[in-house]
Amino acid sequence: METPTPKPSRLLARLAQAAALCLGLVIGPAAIAQDVVRIGAPLALTGGLADEGKKQEIAYDMWLKRVNAAGGIAVGNRKLRVELIKYDYQSDEKRAQQIAERLITQDKVDFLTSPFGSGHTKVVAGVAERYGVPVMASVASSESVFNQGYQYMFGTLAPNGGIVQNMAAMFPRQIPGLKRIAILGREDVFPRAMAAEMKKAAEAAGLEVVYNDLYPVGTLDHAAALSRIKAAAPQWIYITGYTQDLILARKQMADIKLTAPVVTMITGPAYREFVDGLGKLAEGVTSASWWHHSLTYKSDDVFGSTEAFYKEFVAREKKDPDYVHASAAAALVALQKAIERAGTLDRAKVRDALAKLDILTFYGPIRFGSNGMNGGRDLPIVQVRDGKVVPLFPEAIKAGTLVPMPAQ
C-alpha cells in the first residue's frame, strides 16, 4: 500500500517545523506548540564526586515522577510534561562546561541544573549566563560563586557563614575550656570557603586559631598535617572536605591517637556514607547541614511536606535522605513554581519570576536574594551518637546536647 503524498499545506508546515528545529527557532503557537519542558542536568555519576552526583539524580527523579504523574507543569492554560536530559560529566570541571554547552545548543533545553559543588557550579553558570538560561544550583553555597554578577543562577542552599557562626558561639559555651581551634581544609572552592569562614567566626568568638592550612585536591595522606595539629594541642579540630577526604582524615587521626573534646567535619556526618564508612570512629563527630529530615515544613509543592518527602525517600532508598537530596529536589520545586507564575517558558520571564519567588516548600523557605542565593536561617548542627545523626540545633528540632568526643 502506497503512503499518501502529503498535501501541499501539510508539506509546507512540516518543512517549516523542520527548519525551525534545525535553527533552534521558537515560532508562534498557531504553527508549533512546545509540548514538553526540557531541563538539562550535568551530573557527576562517575569519578570522585559520584556519591554526591547520584544523590542529585535520585532527588531529580523523585520530583520528575511526581510532577509528571500530576500531568506536568502548568504553563499558561496548558500542562506540559517534563523531560530531564542527563549526562555524566565524570566529576571533571572541563567536561561539565562542555556538557552545559551541548545541553543548550544541541539538546535545546529550556533550563539547567548545576553540578555538585561550588567550583563546578561556577563553570556551568558561566555558560548558562552567556545564553540567558536559568540554572538551578542545588549544591553550591560559596558566596564566591554568587558574587560574579550572574543574573540567571539561583541556589537553594543558604550562605556558608550560617553553617559555622552558630557553632563558634555554641560549642565554647557547652564545653568548658574550649579556647584553641585547629583548622584544616581542602584546597577547593567550597571546603576552602568553609575553612575561611570558620577562622573568621572562631576569631570573632575569641578563640585562638593554633593551626590553619589547606591540603591539595587528591591528597591520599593527611598524616603530616595531622601530626602538626597534634603538636598544637587544640581543644577543637575542624576539618573541611568531601566524604572520602574526611573518612581518610578521621582514620588517620585514630592511627596517631589524635583527638580533642570537639571534632567537626564539614559536612561529613551529614552524609550516611560517612557514618557507615567509619563505624565507631564516627562517634561524637559534629557537623552542620542545610536541612534535616526532622524539620516539619508543610507546603503546596509536589511533595506537600518534609514528612512526605522523607517517607517517600526511605521507602525508595531504605535509608535517610540528607541535605543534598532535599536541596536538589527543592531546586526543581522552585523552578516549577517560577514557570507556573511566569505562565510561559520564556527564559527571561522565568528568570524574573525566580528573582521574585518567596515560597515555603517541603525543604523550607525559598527566597532568593539579589545575588541569587537562598536566604540565611538557623541551619542544623548535628552530632553522631550511637551511629545516628542527632540534631543539636536549632531548638525546634533539637534532640540532644553536645557531648565531648570519646577518649582514644
Foldseek 3Di string as FASTA:
>chain_A
DDDDDDDPVVVVLVVVVVVCVVVVHDDDPVRPDDQEAEEEEAFACAADCNVLRVLLVVLVVVLLVLQVVVVAFQFAPHHHRYDYHYDHQNPDLVSLLVSLLCCCPPVVHLAYEFYAELVSRLSSLVNCQVVLHAYEYLHYADVVSLVPPRLRYAYAFHHLLLFALVVLQAVCVVDPPQAEEEEEFEPDRVRVSNLVSNVVSNVVSRHHYQYGYYDYPPDPDCLVVLVVVQVSDHQEYEYEDDAVVVLNVLVSCVVVQHFHQAYEYVPHVLDLCSLVSNPPSQAQYKGWARFDLLDWFAFDFSQGASVSVQVVCCVVPVDGRGSSSVSSNVSVSLLSVLSNVLSHSPSVSSSVSSQQDWGQDNRGTAHADPSNYGHDDNTWMWGQHPSDTATCDDPVRHDDHRGTDDRD
